[in-house]
Amino acid sequence: EKYVNDFEYYINNEYNGKLLSRYWQAGGYHIVEIYNPLVDKKTGFIDAIKYYNIDHDHTIAIGDGHNDIGLIQTAKYGVAMGNSHPDLLKVATHVTDDCHNQGVLKFLKSIFK
């Protein structure tokens, strides 16, 4: 934990905005995510929807990390796992159980009755 600020400073300054970082704690772990701000799951999701001509009302996205926020906001059913990053939980349209308790299965069964 004591090195996180130095590490984030290095990434943010050395790569001058081409790479960014996020830090949080979960399950007793210190997590630093490094990402390219120009690429995200939302872009790929939109491209796939267009390519396969899928109606927005038939889209589901399921995630658990901060990097899933754009993806979750784009789908008709934006599903956060129960153990998701707090920021993701705020934007999800649905929250399901965590991965250890069959959250994806439970959500899909609720949708496809």
PDB file of N, CA and C in Angstrom:
ATOM      1  N   GLU A   1       0.820  -1.200   0.000  1.00  0.00           N
ATOM      2  CA  GLU A   1       0.000   0.000   0.000  1.00  0.00           C
ATOM      3  C   GLU A   1       0.856   1.253   0.000  1.00  0.00           C
ATOM      4  N   LYS A   2       1.988   1.220   0.685  1.00  0.00           N
ATOM      5  CA  LYS A   2       2.814   2.426   0.791  1.00  0.00           C
ATOM      6  C   LYS A   2       3.431   2.831  -0.547  1.00  0.00           C
ATOM      7  N   TYR A   3       3.456   1.943  -1.530  1.00  0.00           N
ATOM      8  CA  TYR A   3       4.048   2.242  -2.829  1.00  0.00           C
ATOM      9  C   TYR A   3       3.016   2.667  -3.889  1.00  0.00           C
ATOM     10  N   VAL A   4       1.743   2.592  -3.555  1.00  0.00           N
ATOM     11  CA  VAL A   4       0.696   2.868  -4.541  1.00  0.00           C
ATOM     12  C   VAL A   4       0.793   4.291  -5.087  1.00  0.00           C
ATOM     13  N   ASN A   5       0.944   5.276  -4.240  1.00  0.00           N
ATOM     14  CA  ASN A   5       1.013   6.663  -4.715  1.00  0.00           C
ATOM     15  C   ASN A   5       2.200   6.881  -5.639  1.00  0.00           C
ATOM     16  N   ASP A   6       3.354   6.314  -5.278  1.00  0.00           N
ATOM     17  CA  ASP A   6       4.535   6.441  -6.134  1.00  0.00           C
ATOM     18  C   ASP A   6       4.297   5.763  -7.482  1.00  0.00           C
ATOM     19  N   PHE A   7       3.683   4.601  -7.451  1.00  0.00           N
ATOM     20  CA  PHE A   7       3.416   3.857  -8.678  1.00  0.00           C
ATOM     21  C   PHE A   7       2.442   4.616  -9.579  1.00  0.00           C
ATOM     22  N   GLU A   8       1.347   5.094  -9.006  1.00  0.00           N
ATOM     23  CA  GLU A   8       0.374   5.861  -9.787  1.00  0.00           C
ATOM     24  C   GLU A   8       1.000   7.136 -10.346  1.00  0.00           C
ATOM     25  N   TYR A   9       1.813   7.798  -9.557  1.00  0.00           N
ATOM     26  CA  TYR A   9       2.497   9.005 -10.023  1.00  0.00           C
ATOM     27  C   TYR A   9       3.380   8.669 -11.229  1.00  0.00           C
ATOM     28  N   TYR A  10       4.118   7.589 -11.133  1.00  0.00           N
ATOM     29  CA  TYR A  10       4.990   7.165 -12.224  1.00  0.00           C
ATOM     30  C   TYR A  10       4.181   6.887 -13.494  1.00  0.00           C
ATOM     31  N   ILE A  11       3.129   6.095 -13.399  1.00  0.00           N
ATOM     32  CA  ILE A  11       2.299   5.758 -14.564  1.00  0.00           C
ATOM     33  C   ILE A  11       1.704   7.021 -15.177  1.00  0.00           C
ATOM     34  N   ASN A  12       1.112   7.854 -14.362  1.00  0.00           N
ATOM     35  CA  ASN A  12       0.426   9.046 -14.865  1.00  0.00           C
ATOM     36  C   ASN A  12       1.387  10.054 -15.494  1.00  0.00           C
ATOM     37  N   ASN A  13       2.593  10.156 -14.987  1.00  0.00           N
ATOM     38  CA  ASN A  13       3.545  11.116 -15.526  1.00  0.00           C
ATOM     39  C   ASN A  13       4.409  10.539 -16.640  1.00  0.00           C
ATOM     40  N   GLU A  14       4.837   9.321 -16.497  1.00  0.00           N
ATOM     41  CA  GLU A  14       5.699   8.692 -17.501  1.00  0.00           C
ATOM     42  C   GLU A  14       4.958   8.471 -18.822  1.00  0.00           C
ATOM     43  N   TYR A  15       3.681   8.149 -18.733  1.00  0.00           N
ATOM     44  CA  TYR A  15       2.907   7.847 -19.936  1.00  0.00           C
ATOM     45  C   TYR A  15       1.991   8.992 -20.354  1.00  0.00           C
ATOM     46  N   ASN A  16       2.047  10.096 -19.654  1.00  0.00           N
ATOM     47  CA  ASN A  16       1.406  11.345 -20.055  1.00  0.00           C
ATOM     48  C   ASN A  16      -0.031  11.169 -20.554  1.00  0.00           C
ATOM     49  N   GLY A  17      -0.830  10.442 -19.797  1.00  0.00           N
ATOM     50  CA  GLY A  17      -2.232  10.267 -20.160  1.00  0.00           C
ATOM     51  C   GLY A  17      -2.512   9.119 -21.112  1.00  0.00           C
ATOM     52  N   LYS A  18      -1.484   8.495 -21.680  1.00  0.00           N
ATOM     53  CA  LYS A  18      -1.699   7.352 -22.576  1.00  0.00           C
ATOM     54  C   LYS A  18      -2.078   6.104 -21.796  1.00  0.00           C
ATOM     55  N   LEU A  19      -1.621   6.019 -20.575  1.00  0.00           N
ATOM     56  CA  LEU A  19      -2.035   4.978 -19.637  1.00  0.00           C
ATOM     57  C   LEU A  19      -2.480   5.672 -18.362  1.00  0.00           C
ATOM     58  N   LEU A  20      -3.508   5.144 -17.753  1.00  0.00           N
ATOM     59  CA  LEU A  20      -3.984   5.669 -16.475  1.00  0.00           C
ATOM     60  C   LEU A  20      -4.041   4.518 -15.480  1.00  0.00           C
ATOM     61  N   SER A  21      -4.227   4.856 -14.227  1.00  0.00           N
ATOM     62  CA  SER A  21      -4.314   3.811 -13.208  1.00  0.00           C
ATOM     63  C   SER A  21      -5.418   4.130 -12.219  1.00  0.00           C
ATOM     64  N   ARG A  22      -5.941   3.067 -11.618  1.00  0.00           N
ATOM     65  CA  ARG A  22      -6.928   3.171 -10.548  1.00  0.00           C
ATOM     66  C   ARG A  22      -6.456   2.273  -9.414  1.00  0.00           C
ATOM     67  N   TYR A  23      -6.795   2.652  -8.213  1.00  0.00           N
ATOM     68  CA  TYR A  23      -6.428   1.849  -7.048  1.00  0.00           C
ATOM     69  C   TYR A  23      -7.642   1.652  -6.161  1.00  0.00           C
ATOM     70  N   TRP A  24      -7.788   0.447  -5.633  1.00  0.00           N
ATOM     71  CA  TRP A  24      -8.806   0.181  -4.628  1.00  0.00           C
ATOM     72  C   TRP A  24      -8.411  -1.064  -3.846  1.00  0.00           C
ATOM     73  N   GLN A  25      -9.129  -1.303  -2.786  1.00  0.00           N
ATOM     74  CA  GLN A  25      -8.903  -2.490  -1.971  1.00  0.00           C
ATOM     75  C   GLN A  25     -10.146  -3.364  -2.023  1.00  0.00           C
ATOM     76  N   ALA A  26      -9.935  -4.667  -2.145  1.00  0.00           N
ATOM     77  CA  ALA A  26     -11.048  -5.609  -2.173  1.00  0.00           C
ATOM     78  C   ALA A  26     -10.568  -6.942  -1.626  1.00  0.00           C
ATOM     79  N   GLY A  27     -11.339  -7.506  -0.744  1.00  0.00           N
ATOM     80  CA  GLY A  27     -11.018  -8.818  -0.204  1.00  0.00           C
ATOM     81  C   GLY A  27      -9.659  -8.897   0.450  1.00  0.00           C
ATOM     82  N   GLY A  28      -9.206  -7.799   1.021  1.00  0.00           N
ATOM     83  CA  GLY A  28      -7.907  -7.779   1.670  1.00  0.00           C
ATOM     84  C   GLY A  28      -6.736  -7.560   0.724  1.00  0.00           C
ATOM     85  N   TYR A  29      -7.017  -7.362  -0.563  1.00  0.00           N
ATOM     86  CA  TYR A  29      -5.968  -7.143  -1.554  1.00  0.00           C
ATOM     87  C   TYR A  29      -5.915  -5.675  -1.955  1.00  0.00           C
ATOM     88  N   HIS A  30      -4.744  -5.221  -2.319  1.00  0.00           N
ATOM     89  CA  HIS A  30      -4.557  -3.887  -2.874  1.00  0.00           C
ATOM     90  C   HIS A  30      -4.470  -4.063  -4.382  1.00  0.00           C
ATOM     91  N   ILE A  31      -5.363  -3.421  -5.103  1.00  0.00           N
ATOM     92  CA  ILE A  31      -5.463  -3.622  -6.543  1.00  0.00           C
ATOM     93  C   ILE A  31      -5.151  -2.321  -7.266  1.00  0.00           C
ATOM     94  N   VAL A  32      -4.232  -2.381  -8.205  1.00  0.00           N
ATOM     95  CA  VAL A  32      -3.944  -1.256  -9.078  1.00  0.00           C
ATOM     96  C   VAL A  32      -4.229  -1.726 -10.496  1.00  0.00           C
ATOM     97  N   GLU A  33      -5.117  -1.029 -11.158  1.00  0.00           N
ATOM     98  CA  GLU A  33      -5.473  -1.361 -12.535  1.00  0.00           C
ATOM     99  C   GLU A  33      -4.831  -0.319 -13.447  1.00  0.00           C
ATOM    100  N   ILE A  34      -4.137  -0.790 -14.468  1.00  0.00           N
ATOM    101  CA  ILE A  34      -3.540   0.098 -15.462  1.00  0.00           C
ATOM    102  C   ILE A  34      -4.324  -0.097 -16.752  1.00  0.00           C
ATOM    103  N   TYR A  35      -4.731   1.006 -17.372  1.00  0.00           N
ATOM    104  CA  TYR A  35      -5.574   0.888 -18.561  1.00  0.00           C
ATOM    105  C   TYR A  35      -5.304   2.017 -19.547  1.00  0.00           C
ATOM    106  N   ASN A  36      -5.687   1.753 -20.778  1.00  0.00           N
ATOM    107  CA  ASN A  36      -5.614   2.743 -21.840  1.00  0.00           C
ATOM    108  C   ASN A  36      -6.964   3.464 -21.869  1.00  0.00           C
ATOM    109  N   PRO A  37      -7.008   4.773 -21.665  1.00  0.00           N
ATOM    110  CA  PRO A  37      -8.287   5.479 -21.605  1.00  0.00           C
ATOM    111  C   PRO A  37      -9.033   5.542 -22.936  1.00  0.00           C
ATOM    112  N   LEU A  38      -8.378   5.195 -24.038  1.00  0.00           N
ATOM    113  CA  LEU A  38      -9.033   5.241 -25.348  1.00  0.00           C
ATOM    114  C   LEU A  38      -9.692   3.918 -25.731  1.00  0.00           C
ATOM    115  N   VAL A  39      -9.494   2.895 -24.942  1.00  0.00           N
ATOM    116  CA  VAL A  39     -10.032   1.565 -25.255  1.00  0.00           C
ATOM    117  C   VAL A  39     -10.832   1.078 -24.061  1.00  0.00           C
ATOM    118  N   ASP A  40     -12.043   0.614 -24.315  1.00  0.00           N
ATOM    119  CA  ASP A  40     -12.818   0.028 -23.233  1.00  0.00           C
ATOM    120  C   ASP A  40     -13.785  -1.021 -23.765  1.00  0.00           C
ATOM    121  N   LYS A  41     -14.414  -1.724 -22.851  1.00  0.00           N
ATOM    122  CA  LYS A  41     -15.331  -2.798 -23.220  1.00  0.00           C
ATOM    123  C   LYS A  41     -16.582  -2.255 -23.896  1.00  0.00           C
ATOM    124  N   LYS A  42     -16.958  -1.044 -23.552  1.00  0.00           N
ATOM    125  CA  LYS A  42     -18.141  -0.426 -24.157  1.00  0.00           C
ATOM    126  C   LYS A  42     -17.986  -0.336 -25.674  1.00  0.00           C
ATOM    127  N   THR A  43     -16.832   0.082 -26.131  1.00  0.00           N
ATOM    128  CA  THR A  43     -16.587   0.223 -27.570  1.00  0.00           C
ATOM    129  C   THR A  43     -16.735  -1.113 -28.284  1.00  0.00           C
ATOM    130  N   GLY A  44     -16.137  -2.152 -27.744  1.00  0.00           N
ATOM    131  CA  GLY A  44     -16.251  -3.483 -28.337  1.00  0.00           C
ATOM    132  C   GLY A  44     -17.679  -3.989 -28.321  1.00  0.00           C
ATOM    133  N   PHE A  45     -18.397  -3.718 -27.250  1.00  0.00           N
ATOM    134  CA  PHE A  45     -19.794  -4.136 -27.127  1.00  0.00           C
ATOM    135  C   PHE A  45     -20.659  -3.470 -28.192  1.00  0.00           C
ATOM    136  N   ILE A  46     -20.479  -2.178 -28.354  1.00  0.00           N
ATOM    137  CA  ILE A  46     -21.243  -1.438 -29.372  1.00  0.00           C
ATOM    138  C   ILE A  46     -20.914  -1.955 -30.768  1.00  0.00           C
ATOM    139  N   ASP A  47     -19.637  -2.194 -31.034  1.00  0.00           N
ATOM    140  CA  ASP A  47     -19.245  -2.717 -32.339  1.00  0.00           C
ATOM    141  C   ASP A  47     -19.887  -4.082 -32.602  1.00  0.00           C
ATOM    142  N   ALA A  48     -19.921  -4.940 -31.600  1.00  0.00           N
ATOM    143  CA  ALA A  48     -20.528  -6.273 -31.768  1.00  0.00           C
ATOM    144  C   ALA A  48     -22.033  -6.174 -32.012  1.00  0.00           C
ATOM    145  N   ILE A  49     -22.703  -5.286 -31.280  1.00  0.00           N
ATOM    146  CA  ILE A  49     -24.148  -5.090 -31.461  1.00  0.00           C
ATOM    147  C   ILE A  49     -24.441  -4.642 -32.896  1.00  0.00           C
ATOM    148  N   LYS A  50     -23.658  -3.706 -33.383  1.00  0.00           N
ATOM    149  CA  LYS A  50     -23.850  -3.211 -34.753  1.00  0.00           C
ATOM    150  C   LYS A  50     -23.547  -4.300 -35.777  1.00  0.00           C
ATOM    151  N   TYR A  51     -22.437  -4.994 -35.602  1.00  0.00           N
ATOM    152  CA  TYR A  51     -22.018  -6.017 -36.563  1.00  0.00           C
ATOM    153  C   TYR A  51     -23.065  -7.124 -36.693  1.00  0.00           C
ATOM    154  N   TYR A  52     -23.588  -7.577 -35.563  1.00  0.00           N
ATOM    155  CA  TYR A  52     -24.567  -8.666 -35.576  1.00  0.00           C
ATOM    156  C   TYR A  52     -26.008  -8.169 -35.645  1.00  0.00           C
ATOM    157  N   ASN A  53     -26.190  -6.848 -35.763  1.00  0.00           N
ATOM    158  CA  ASN A  53     -27.512  -6.245 -35.887  1.00  0.00           C
ATOM    159  C   ASN A  53     -28.445  -6.689 -34.750  1.00  0.00           C
ATOM    160  N   ILE A  54     -27.960  -6.561 -33.524  1.00  0.00           N
ATOM    161  CA  ILE A  54     -28.721  -6.969 -32.346  1.00  0.00           C
ATOM    162  C   ILE A  54     -29.499  -5.771 -31.820  1.00  0.00           C
ATOM    163  N   ASP A  55     -30.779  -5.967 -31.593  1.00  0.00           N
ATOM    164  CA  ASP A  55     -31.628  -4.930 -31.018  1.00  0.00           C
ATOM    165  C   ASP A  55     -31.164  -4.651 -29.586  1.00  0.00           C
ATOM    166  N   HIS A  56     -31.066  -3.384 -29.233  1.00  0.00           N
ATOM    167  CA  HIS A  56     -30.612  -2.989 -27.902  1.00  0.00           C
ATOM    168  C   HIS A  56     -31.425  -3.663 -26.796  1.00  0.00           C
ATOM    169  N   ASP A  57     -32.712  -3.859 -27.013  1.00  0.00           N
ATOM    170  CA  ASP A  57     -33.562  -4.484 -25.998  1.00  0.00           C
ATOM    171  C   ASP A  57     -33.187  -5.930 -25.715  1.00  0.00           C
ATOM    172  N   HIS A  58     -32.319  -6.496 -26.534  1.00  0.00           N
ATOM    173  CA  HIS A  58     -31.890  -7.886 -26.349  1.00  0.00           C
ATOM    174  C   HIS A  58     -30.430  -7.981 -25.905  1.00  0.00           C
ATOM    175  N   THR A  59     -29.936  -6.948 -25.249  1.00  0.00           N
ATOM    176  CA  THR A  59     -28.538  -6.962 -24.829  1.00  0.00           C
ATOM    177  C   THR A  59     -28.406  -7.091 -23.312  1.00  0.00           C
ATOM    178  N   ILE A  60     -27.422  -7.901 -22.920  1.00  0.00           N
ATOM    179  CA  ILE A  60     -27.096  -8.120 -21.509  1.00  0.00           C
ATOM    180  C   ILE A  60     -25.586  -7.995 -21.367  1.00  0.00           C
ATOM    181  N   ALA A  61     -25.156  -7.265 -20.357  1.00  0.00           N
ATOM    182  CA  ALA A  61     -23.736  -7.199 -20.025  1.00  0.00           C
ATOM    183  C   ALA A  61     -23.601  -7.476 -18.532  1.00  0.00           C
ATOM    184  N   ILE A  62     -22.636  -8.310 -18.189  1.00  0.00           N
ATOM    185  CA  ILE A  62     -22.425  -8.691 -16.795  1.00  0.00           C
ATOM    186  C   ILE A  62     -20.967  -8.402 -16.441  1.00  0.00           C
ATOM    187  N   GLY A  63     -20.750  -7.746 -15.322  1.00  0.00           N
ATOM    188  CA  GLY A  63     -19.387  -7.429 -14.924  1.00  0.00           C
ATOM    189  C   GLY A  63     -19.248  -7.285 -13.428  1.00  0.00           C
ATOM    190  N   ASP A  64     -17.993  -7.069 -13.007  1.00  0.00           N
ATOM    191  CA  ASP A  64     -17.750  -6.885 -11.576  1.00  0.00           C
ATOM    192  C   ASP A  64     -16.705  -5.814 -11.269  1.00  0.00           C
ATOM    193  N   GLY A  65     -16.039  -5.305 -12.301  1.00  0.00           N
ATOM    194  CA  GLY A  65     -14.962  -4.360 -12.065  1.00  0.00           C
ATOM    195  C   GLY A  65     -15.284  -2.940 -12.481  1.00  0.00           C
ATOM    196  N   HIS A  66     -14.452  -2.038 -12.013  1.00  0.00           N
ATOM    197  CA  HIS A  66     -14.593  -0.630 -12.383  1.00  0.00           C
ATOM    198  C   HIS A  66     -14.504  -0.465 -13.896  1.00  0.00           C
ATOM    199  N   ASN A  67     -13.697  -1.303 -14.541  1.00  0.00           N
ATOM    200  CA  ASN A  67     -13.531  -1.212 -15.989  1.00  0.00           C
ATOM    201  C   ASN A  67     -14.747  -1.716 -16.759  1.00  0.00           C
ATOM    202  N   ASP A  68     -15.788  -2.163 -16.081  1.00  0.00           N
ATOM    203  CA  ASP A  68     -17.020  -2.621 -16.724  1.00  0.00           C
ATOM    204  C   ASP A  68     -18.109  -1.552 -16.724  1.00  0.00           C
ATOM    205  N   ILE A  69     -17.850  -0.386 -16.172  1.00  0.00           N
ATOM    206  CA  ILE A  69     -18.895   0.632 -16.026  1.00  0.00           C
ATOM    207  C   ILE A  69     -19.505   1.022 -17.370  1.00  0.00           C
ATOM    208  N   GLY A  70     -18.690   1.393 -18.355  1.00  0.00           N
ATOM    209  CA  GLY A  70     -19.229   1.781 -19.661  1.00  0.00           C
ATOM    210  C   GLY A  70     -20.011   0.659 -20.317  1.00  0.00           C
ATOM    211  N   LEU A  71     -19.508  -0.546 -20.203  1.00  0.00           N
ATOM    212  CA  LEU A  71     -20.183  -1.721 -20.749  1.00  0.00           C
ATOM    213  C   LEU A  71     -21.554  -1.896 -20.114  1.00  0.00           C
ATOM    214  N   ILE A  72     -21.609  -1.858 -18.806  1.00  0.00           N
ATOM    215  CA  ILE A  72     -22.857  -2.051 -18.065  1.00  0.00           C
ATOM    216  C   ILE A  72     -23.874  -0.956 -18.397  1.00  0.00           C
ATOM    217  N   GLN A  73     -23.399   0.267 -18.563  1.00  0.00           N
ATOM    218  CA  GLN A  73     -24.301   1.373 -18.873  1.00  0.00           C
ATOM    219  C   GLN A  73     -24.859   1.284 -20.287  1.00  0.00           C
ATOM    220  N   THR A  74     -24.219   0.552 -21.154  1.00  0.00           N
ATOM    221  CA  THR A  74     -24.611   0.477 -22.558  1.00  0.00           C
ATOM    222  C   THR A  74     -25.692  -0.562 -22.818  1.00  0.00           C
ATOM    223  N   ALA A  75     -25.675  -1.650 -22.079  1.00  0.00           N
ATOM    224  CA  ALA A  75     -26.617  -2.747 -22.312  1.00  0.00           C
ATOM    225  C   ALA A  75     -28.001  -2.440 -21.747  1.00  0.00           C
ATOM    226  N   LYS A  76     -29.002  -3.076 -22.307  1.00  0.00           N
ATOM    227  CA  LYS A  76     -30.363  -2.974 -21.773  1.00  0.00           C
ATOM    228  C   LYS A  76     -30.384  -3.490 -20.334  1.00  0.00           C
ATOM    229  N   TYR A  77     -29.756  -4.644 -20.139  1.00  0.00           N
ATOM    230  CA  TYR A  77     -29.642  -5.239 -18.808  1.00  0.00           C
ATOM    231  C   TYR A  77     -28.187  -5.150 -18.388  1.00  0.00           C
ATOM    232  N   GLY A  78     -27.860  -4.162 -17.575  1.00  0.00           N
ATOM    233  CA  GLY A  78     -26.503  -3.980 -17.071  1.00  0.00           C
ATOM    234  C   GLY A  78     -26.410  -4.606 -15.694  1.00  0.00           C
ATOM    235  N   VAL A  79     -25.765  -5.758 -15.622  1.00  0.00           N
ATOM    236  CA  VAL A  79     -25.778  -6.578 -14.418  1.00  0.00           C
ATOM    237  C   VAL A  79     -24.431  -6.515 -13.695  1.00  0.00           C
ATOM    238  N   ALA A  80     -24.472  -6.196 -12.436  1.00  0.00           N
ATOM    239  CA  ALA A  80     -23.276  -6.204 -11.596  1.00  0.00           C
ATOM    240  C   ALA A  80     -23.332  -7.425 -10.688  1.00  0.00           C
ATOM    241  N   MET A  81     -22.197  -8.077 -10.551  1.00  0.00           N
ATOM    242  CA  MET A  81     -22.103  -9.183  -9.601  1.00  0.00           C
ATOM    243  C   MET A  81     -22.193  -8.613  -8.186  1.00  0.00           C
ATOM    244  N   GLY A  82     -22.639  -9.402  -7.249  1.00  0.00           N
ATOM    245  CA  GLY A  82     -22.826  -8.946  -5.878  1.00  0.00           C
ATOM    246  C   GLY A  82     -21.564  -8.416  -5.225  1.00  0.00           C
ATOM    247  N   ASN A  83     -20.419  -8.904  -5.657  1.00  0.00           N
ATOM    248  CA  ASN A  83     -19.146  -8.487  -5.080  1.00  0.00           C
ATOM    249  C   ASN A  83     -18.435  -7.447  -5.952  1.00  0.00           C
ATOM    250  N   SER A  84     -19.187  -6.715  -6.737  1.00  0.00           N
ATOM    251  CA  SER A  84     -18.626  -5.760  -7.694  1.00  0.00           C
ATOM    252  C   SER A  84     -18.022  -4.532  -7.027  1.00  0.00           C
ATOM    253  N   HIS A  85     -17.229  -3.830  -7.834  1.00  0.00           N
ATOM    254  CA  HIS A  85     -16.677  -2.544  -7.410  1.00  0.00           C
ATOM    255  C   HIS A  85     -17.855  -1.623  -7.050  1.00  0.00           C
ATOM    256  N   PRO A  86     -17.755  -0.853  -5.979  1.00  0.00           N
ATOM    257  CA  PRO A  86     -18.856   0.018  -5.549  1.00  0.00           C
ATOM    258  C   PRO A  86     -19.360   0.975  -6.636  1.00  0.00           C
ATOM    259  N   ASP A  87     -18.481   1.495  -7.477  1.00  0.00           N
ATOM    260  CA  ASP A  87     -18.915   2.403  -8.546  1.00  0.00           C
ATOM    261  C   ASP A  87     -19.749   1.674  -9.590  1.00  0.00           C
ATOM    262  N   LEU A  88     -19.463   0.417  -9.829  1.00  0.00           N
ATOM    263  CA  LEU A  88     -20.252  -0.369 -10.783  1.00  0.00           C
ATOM    264  C   LEU A  88     -21.641  -0.645 -10.225  1.00  0.00           C
ATOM    265  N   LEU A  89     -21.705  -0.938  -8.944  1.00  0.00           N
ATOM    266  CA  LEU A  89     -23.011  -1.197  -8.311  1.00  0.00           C
ATOM    267  C   LEU A  89     -23.946   0.003  -8.443  1.00  0.00           C
ATOM    268  N   LYS A  90     -23.384   1.199  -8.474  1.00  0.00           N
ATOM    269  CA  LYS A  90     -24.195   2.417  -8.574  1.00  0.00           C
ATOM    270  C   LYS A  90     -24.864   2.575  -9.934  1.00  0.00           C
ATOM    271  N   VAL A  91     -24.265   2.028 -10.999  1.00  0.00           N
ATOM    272  CA  VAL A  91     -24.797   2.251 -12.346  1.00  0.00           C
ATOM    273  C   VAL A  91     -25.521   1.038 -12.920  1.00  0.00           C
ATOM    274  N   ALA A  92     -25.434  -0.091 -12.270  1.00  0.00           N
ATOM    275  CA  ALA A  92     -26.067  -1.310 -12.785  1.00  0.00           C
ATOM    276  C   ALA A  92     -27.582  -1.220 -12.701  1.00  0.00           C
ATOM    277  N   THR A  93     -28.254  -1.799 -13.687  1.00  0.00           N
ATOM    278  CA  THR A  93     -29.717  -1.878 -13.636  1.00  0.00           C
ATOM    279  C   THR A  93     -30.162  -3.076 -12.811  1.00  0.00           C
ATOM    280  N   HIS A  94     -29.270  -4.053 -12.661  1.00  0.00           N
ATOM    281  CA  HIS A  94     -29.544  -5.252 -11.865  1.00  0.00           C
ATOM    282  C   HIS A  94     -28.279  -5.635 -11.094  1.00  0.00           C
ATOM    283  N   VAL A  95     -28.473  -6.180  -9.916  1.00  0.00           N
ATOM    284  CA  VAL A  95     -27.359  -6.726  -9.135  1.00  0.00           C
ATOM    285  C   VAL A  95     -27.714  -8.170  -8.816  1.00  0.00           C
ATOM    286  N   THR A  96     -26.772  -9.063  -9.079  1.00  0.00           N
ATOM    287  CA  THR A  96     -27.004 -10.470  -8.811  1.00  0.00           C
ATOM    288  C   THR A  96     -26.041 -10.948  -7.732  1.00  0.00           C
ATOM    289  N   ASP A  97     -26.134 -12.192  -7.389  1.00  0.00           N
ATOM    290  CA  ASP A  97     -25.249 -12.771  -6.376  1.00  0.00           C
ATOM    291  C   ASP A  97     -23.811 -12.774  -6.877  1.00  0.00           C
ATOM    292  N   ASP A  98     -22.855 -13.030  -6.003  1.00  0.00           N
ATOM    293  CA  ASP A  98     -21.457 -13.049  -6.435  1.00  0.00           C
ATOM    294  C   ASP A  98     -21.133 -14.326  -7.214  1.00  0.00           C
ATOM    295  N   CYS A  99     -19.934 -14.380  -7.761  1.00  0.00           N
ATOM    296  CA  CYS A  99     -19.560 -15.500  -8.627  1.00  0.00           C
ATOM    297  C   CYS A  99     -19.487 -16.821  -7.859  1.00  0.00           C
ATOM    298  N   HIS A 100     -19.201 -16.769  -6.577  1.00  0.00           N
ATOM    299  CA  HIS A 100     -19.109 -17.996  -5.786  1.00  0.00           C
ATOM    300  C   HIS A 100     -20.486 -18.589  -5.471  1.00  0.00           C
ATOM    301  N   ASN A 101     -21.513 -17.792  -5.698  1.00  0.00           N
ATOM    302  CA  ASN A 101     -22.888 -18.242  -5.427  1.00  0.00           C
ATOM    303  C   ASN A 101     -23.742 -18.260  -6.690  1.00  0.00           C
ATOM    304  N   GLN A 102     -23.093 -18.532  -7.832  1.00  0.00           N
ATOM    305  CA  GLN A 102     -23.806 -18.724  -9.104  1.00  0.00           C
ATOM    306  C   GLN A 102     -24.598 -17.496  -9.546  1.00  0.00           C
ATOM    307  N   GLY A 103     -24.031 -16.306  -9.346  1.00  0.00           N
ATOM    308  CA  GLY A 103     -24.729 -15.070  -9.686  1.00  0.00           C
ATOM    309  C   GLY A 103     -25.159 -14.964 -11.137  1.00  0.00           C
ATOM    310  N   VAL A 104     -24.278 -15.330 -12.063  1.00  0.00           N
ATOM    311  CA  VAL A 104     -24.629 -15.249 -13.488  1.00  0.00           C
ATOM    312  C   VAL A 104     -25.782 -16.197 -13.802  1.00  0.00           C
ATOM    313  N   LEU A 105     -25.682 -17.418 -13.332  1.00  0.00           N
ATOM    314  CA  LEU A 105     -26.736 -18.407 -13.565  1.00  0.00           C
ATOM    315  C   LEU A 105     -28.064 -17.931 -12.996  1.00  0.00           C
ATOM    316  N   LYS A 106     -28.036 -17.417 -11.786  1.00  0.00           N
ATOM    317  CA  LYS A 106     -29.266 -16.940 -11.153  1.00  0.00           C
ATOM    318  C   LYS A 106     -29.899 -15.806 -11.961  1.00  0.00           C
ATOM    319  N   PHE A 107     -29.072 -14.875 -12.434  1.00  0.00           N
ATOM    320  CA  PHE A 107     -29.634 -13.770 -13.206  1.00  0.00           C
ATOM    321  C   PHE A 107     -30.225 -14.275 -14.520  1.00  0.00           C
ATOM    322  N   LEU A 108     -29.470 -15.101 -15.245  1.00  0.00           N
ATOM    323  CA  LEU A 108     -29.957 -15.593 -16.542  1.00  0.00           C
ATOM    324  C   LEU A 108     -31.236 -16.412 -16.374  1.00  0.00           C
ATOM    325  N   LYS A 109     -31.334 -17.205 -15.331  1.00  0.00           N
ATOM    326  CA  LYS A 109     -32.579 -17.956 -15.084  1.00  0.00           C
ATOM    327  C   LYS A 109     -33.739 -17.006 -14.826  1.00  0.00           C
ATOM    328  N   SER A 110     -33.486 -15.873 -14.170  1.00  0.00           N
ATOM    329  CA  SER A 110     -34.558 -14.923 -13.890  1.00  0.00           C
ATOM    330  C   SER A 110     -35.041 -14.214 -15.161  1.00  0.00           C
ATOM    331  N   ILE A 111     -34.142 -14.035 -16.115  1.00  0.00           N
ATOM    332  CA  ILE A 111     -34.498 -13.369 -17.373  1.00  0.00           C
ATOM    333  C   ILE A 111     -35.165 -14.335 -18.346  1.00  0.00           C
ATOM    334  N   PHE A 112     -34.603 -15.533 -18.459  1.00  0.00           N
ATOM    335  CA  PHE A 112     -35.106 -16.544 -19.409  1.00  0.00           C
ATOM    336  C   PHE A 112     -35.925 -17.580 -18.660  1.00  0.00           C
ATOM    337  N   LYS A 113     -37.092 -17.170 -18.185  1.00  0.00           N
ATOM    338  CA  LYS A 113     -37.963 -18.051 -17.391  1.00  0.00           C
ATOM    339  C   LYS A 113     -38.563 -19.150 -18.225  1.00  0.00           C
TER     340      LYS A 113
END
